[in-house]
Structures are given as C-alpha cells and as structure tokens.
Amino acid sequence: MIHVNWSERKTIRKLECIHTNAKKYMVDRALTKGKTYELKNETDEFYFVIDNTGSVGGYYKDYFKG
C-alpha cells in the first residue's frame, strides 16, 4: 500500500507539464501547461505527481517533459 503515503514521500524530481490536450479526460482541471510538479512515483506508463488539487494523481508520461 505504497500509495497511502505518496504525498509525504521524498520528491524524486520535478517535471514540467508541456500540454493538457487529453482525448478522453479533462486533464486541464488538474494540470496547468508550463507549471512544474513534484514527481512522487512513476511506472512504465504513468507519472504520479501532486497536481493542482493538492492530491497525488497519475497521468500519462506524455503530458510532461522531464
């Protein structure tokens, strides 16, 4: 249950959001183009960052440069 304390974990690195053009979901509510986010965990397909809501959210890697 590693996801329970992701927000308190050490930041791995910072990532810049390069776009919020999602085909299926409304990503622009949680991410802002050009803003830098703290990376808390990553998988092969997703980055888990603290988003604009203040919570950890999982987003496709193509939304970020880093």
N, C-alpha and C. Protein backbone atom coordinates (compact mmCIF):
# COMPACT_ATOMS: atom_id res chain seq x y z
N MET A 1 0.82 -1.18 0.00
CA MET A 1 0.00 0.00 0.00
C MET A 1 0.86 1.25 0.00
N ILE A 2 1.80 1.29 -0.94
CA ILE A 2 2.72 2.41 -1.07
C ILE A 2 1.99 3.72 -1.38
N HIS A 3 0.84 3.64 -2.04
CA HIS A 3 0.09 4.84 -2.44
C HIS A 3 -0.47 5.63 -1.26
N VAL A 4 -0.56 5.02 -0.10
CA VAL A 4 -1.15 5.69 1.07
C VAL A 4 -0.33 6.89 1.52
N ASN A 5 1.00 6.81 1.40
CA ASN A 5 1.84 7.90 1.88
C ASN A 5 2.67 8.57 0.78
N TRP A 6 2.21 8.53 -0.46
CA TRP A 6 2.95 9.16 -1.55
C TRP A 6 3.13 10.65 -1.34
N SER A 7 2.14 11.33 -0.83
CA SER A 7 2.25 12.79 -0.69
C SER A 7 3.30 13.18 0.34
N GLU A 8 3.60 12.31 1.30
CA GLU A 8 4.63 12.61 2.30
C GLU A 8 6.02 12.13 1.89
N ARG A 9 6.10 11.33 0.84
CA ARG A 9 7.38 10.77 0.41
C ARG A 9 8.28 11.84 -0.20
N LYS A 10 9.56 11.53 -0.23
CA LYS A 10 10.55 12.43 -0.83
C LYS A 10 10.26 12.59 -2.32
N THR A 11 10.39 13.81 -2.81
CA THR A 11 10.19 14.09 -4.23
C THR A 11 11.35 13.50 -5.03
N ILE A 12 11.02 12.73 -6.06
CA ILE A 12 12.05 12.09 -6.90
C ILE A 12 12.73 13.14 -7.77
N ARG A 13 11.93 13.95 -8.45
CA ARG A 13 12.41 15.08 -9.24
C ARG A 13 11.21 15.93 -9.61
N LYS A 14 11.45 17.02 -10.29
CA LYS A 14 10.36 17.90 -10.71
C LYS A 14 10.18 17.79 -12.21
N LEU A 15 8.93 17.83 -12.64
CA LEU A 15 8.58 17.70 -14.05
C LEU A 15 7.76 18.90 -14.50
N GLU A 16 7.98 19.32 -15.73
CA GLU A 16 7.20 20.42 -16.29
C GLU A 16 6.09 19.86 -17.18
N CYS A 17 4.90 20.35 -16.99
CA CYS A 17 3.76 19.95 -17.82
C CYS A 17 3.88 20.67 -19.17
N ILE A 18 3.85 19.91 -20.27
CA ILE A 18 4.03 20.52 -21.59
C ILE A 18 2.71 20.67 -22.36
N HIS A 19 1.65 19.95 -21.95
CA HIS A 19 0.34 20.13 -22.56
C HIS A 19 -0.74 19.47 -21.70
N THR A 20 -1.96 19.85 -21.96
CA THR A 20 -3.11 19.24 -21.27
C THR A 20 -4.17 18.81 -22.28
N ASN A 21 -3.74 18.49 -23.48
CA ASN A 21 -4.64 18.09 -24.56
C ASN A 21 -4.97 16.61 -24.45
N ALA A 22 -5.96 16.29 -23.65
CA ALA A 22 -6.35 14.90 -23.45
C ALA A 22 -7.49 14.55 -24.39
N LYS A 23 -7.47 13.32 -24.91
CA LYS A 23 -8.52 12.87 -25.81
C LYS A 23 -9.77 12.44 -25.05
N LYS A 24 -9.57 11.88 -23.87
CA LYS A 24 -10.69 11.26 -23.17
C LYS A 24 -11.05 11.95 -21.85
N TYR A 25 -10.08 12.46 -21.13
CA TYR A 25 -10.32 13.01 -19.80
C TYR A 25 -10.09 14.51 -19.77
N MET A 26 -10.56 15.18 -18.74
CA MET A 26 -10.39 16.63 -18.59
C MET A 26 -9.17 16.90 -17.72
N VAL A 27 -8.00 16.79 -18.30
CA VAL A 27 -6.75 16.94 -17.57
C VAL A 27 -6.48 18.39 -17.19
N ASP A 28 -7.02 19.32 -17.95
CA ASP A 28 -6.75 20.74 -17.69
C ASP A 28 -7.33 21.22 -16.36
N ARG A 29 -8.16 20.44 -15.71
CA ARG A 29 -8.66 20.79 -14.38
C ARG A 29 -7.63 20.50 -13.29
N ALA A 30 -6.71 19.57 -13.56
CA ALA A 30 -5.75 19.15 -12.55
C ALA A 30 -4.31 19.55 -12.88
N LEU A 31 -4.02 19.83 -14.14
CA LEU A 31 -2.67 20.21 -14.56
C LEU A 31 -2.73 21.54 -15.29
N THR A 32 -1.63 22.28 -15.24
CA THR A 32 -1.51 23.55 -15.95
C THR A 32 -0.28 23.50 -16.83
N LYS A 33 -0.45 23.80 -18.10
CA LYS A 33 0.67 23.82 -19.03
C LYS A 33 1.72 24.82 -18.56
N GLY A 34 2.98 24.39 -18.52
CA GLY A 34 4.08 25.26 -18.12
C GLY A 34 4.41 25.21 -16.63
N LYS A 35 3.54 24.63 -15.83
CA LYS A 35 3.77 24.55 -14.39
C LYS A 35 4.63 23.32 -14.07
N THR A 36 5.42 23.43 -13.00
CA THR A 36 6.29 22.35 -12.57
C THR A 36 5.63 21.59 -11.42
N TYR A 37 5.69 20.27 -11.48
CA TYR A 37 5.06 19.40 -10.49
C TYR A 37 6.09 18.47 -9.86
N GLU A 38 5.84 18.10 -8.60
CA GLU A 38 6.71 17.19 -7.86
C GLU A 38 6.36 15.75 -8.19
N LEU A 39 7.34 14.99 -8.68
CA LEU A 39 7.15 13.58 -9.01
C LEU A 39 7.32 12.75 -7.74
N LYS A 40 6.30 11.97 -7.41
CA LYS A 40 6.33 11.15 -6.20
C LYS A 40 6.56 9.67 -6.51
N ASN A 41 6.12 9.22 -7.70
CA ASN A 41 6.33 7.83 -8.10
C ASN A 41 6.14 7.75 -9.61
N GLU A 42 6.67 6.69 -10.21
CA GLU A 42 6.46 6.51 -11.65
C GLU A 42 6.41 5.05 -12.00
N THR A 43 5.67 4.74 -13.05
CA THR A 43 5.60 3.40 -13.61
C THR A 43 6.02 3.51 -15.06
N ASP A 44 5.91 2.43 -15.80
CA ASP A 44 6.29 2.45 -17.21
C ASP A 44 5.44 3.42 -18.02
N GLU A 45 4.19 3.61 -17.62
CA GLU A 45 3.25 4.42 -18.40
C GLU A 45 2.83 5.73 -17.73
N PHE A 46 2.93 5.81 -16.41
CA PHE A 46 2.39 6.96 -15.68
C PHE A 46 3.42 7.63 -14.78
N TYR A 47 3.22 8.94 -14.58
CA TYR A 47 3.88 9.70 -13.53
C TYR A 47 2.82 10.00 -12.47
N PHE A 48 3.20 9.90 -11.21
CA PHE A 48 2.31 10.24 -10.11
C PHE A 48 2.86 11.51 -9.47
N VAL A 49 2.12 12.60 -9.64
CA VAL A 49 2.56 13.92 -9.20
C VAL A 49 1.51 14.54 -8.27
N ILE A 50 1.94 15.54 -7.52
CA ILE A 50 0.98 16.33 -6.75
C ILE A 50 0.43 17.38 -7.70
N ASP A 51 -0.85 17.25 -8.03
CA ASP A 51 -1.45 18.12 -9.05
C ASP A 51 -2.06 19.38 -8.43
N ASN A 52 -2.81 20.13 -9.22
CA ASN A 52 -3.39 21.40 -8.77
C ASN A 52 -4.41 21.24 -7.65
N THR A 53 -4.94 20.04 -7.46
CA THR A 53 -5.91 19.80 -6.38
C THR A 53 -5.22 19.57 -5.05
N GLY A 54 -3.89 19.39 -5.07
CA GLY A 54 -3.14 19.13 -3.85
C GLY A 54 -3.03 17.66 -3.53
N SER A 55 -3.60 16.82 -4.36
CA SER A 55 -3.56 15.37 -4.17
C SER A 55 -2.60 14.74 -5.18
N VAL A 56 -2.21 13.51 -4.92
CA VAL A 56 -1.38 12.79 -5.88
C VAL A 56 -2.29 12.20 -6.95
N GLY A 57 -1.95 12.48 -8.20
CA GLY A 57 -2.71 11.96 -9.32
C GLY A 57 -1.78 11.28 -10.30
N GLY A 58 -2.26 10.28 -11.01
CA GLY A 58 -1.48 9.57 -12.01
C GLY A 58 -1.82 10.06 -13.40
N TYR A 59 -0.81 10.44 -14.16
CA TYR A 59 -1.01 10.99 -15.50
C TYR A 59 -0.04 10.34 -16.47
N TYR A 60 -0.48 10.21 -17.73
CA TYR A 60 0.39 9.66 -18.77
C TYR A 60 1.67 10.50 -18.87
N LYS A 61 2.76 9.83 -19.17
CA LYS A 61 4.05 10.50 -19.23
C LYS A 61 4.13 11.55 -20.34
N ASP A 62 3.31 11.42 -21.37
CA ASP A 62 3.41 12.37 -22.49
C ASP A 62 2.92 13.77 -22.14
N TYR A 63 2.33 13.98 -20.97
CA TYR A 63 1.94 15.32 -20.54
C TYR A 63 3.12 16.11 -19.97
N PHE A 64 4.26 15.46 -19.77
CA PHE A 64 5.38 16.08 -19.05
C PHE A 64 6.68 16.03 -19.85
N LYS A 65 7.54 16.97 -19.53
CA LYS A 65 8.92 16.97 -20.04
C LYS A 65 9.80 16.74 -18.82
N GLY A 66 10.63 15.78 -18.89
CA GLY A 66 11.48 15.56 -17.72
C GLY A 66 12.13 14.27 -17.78
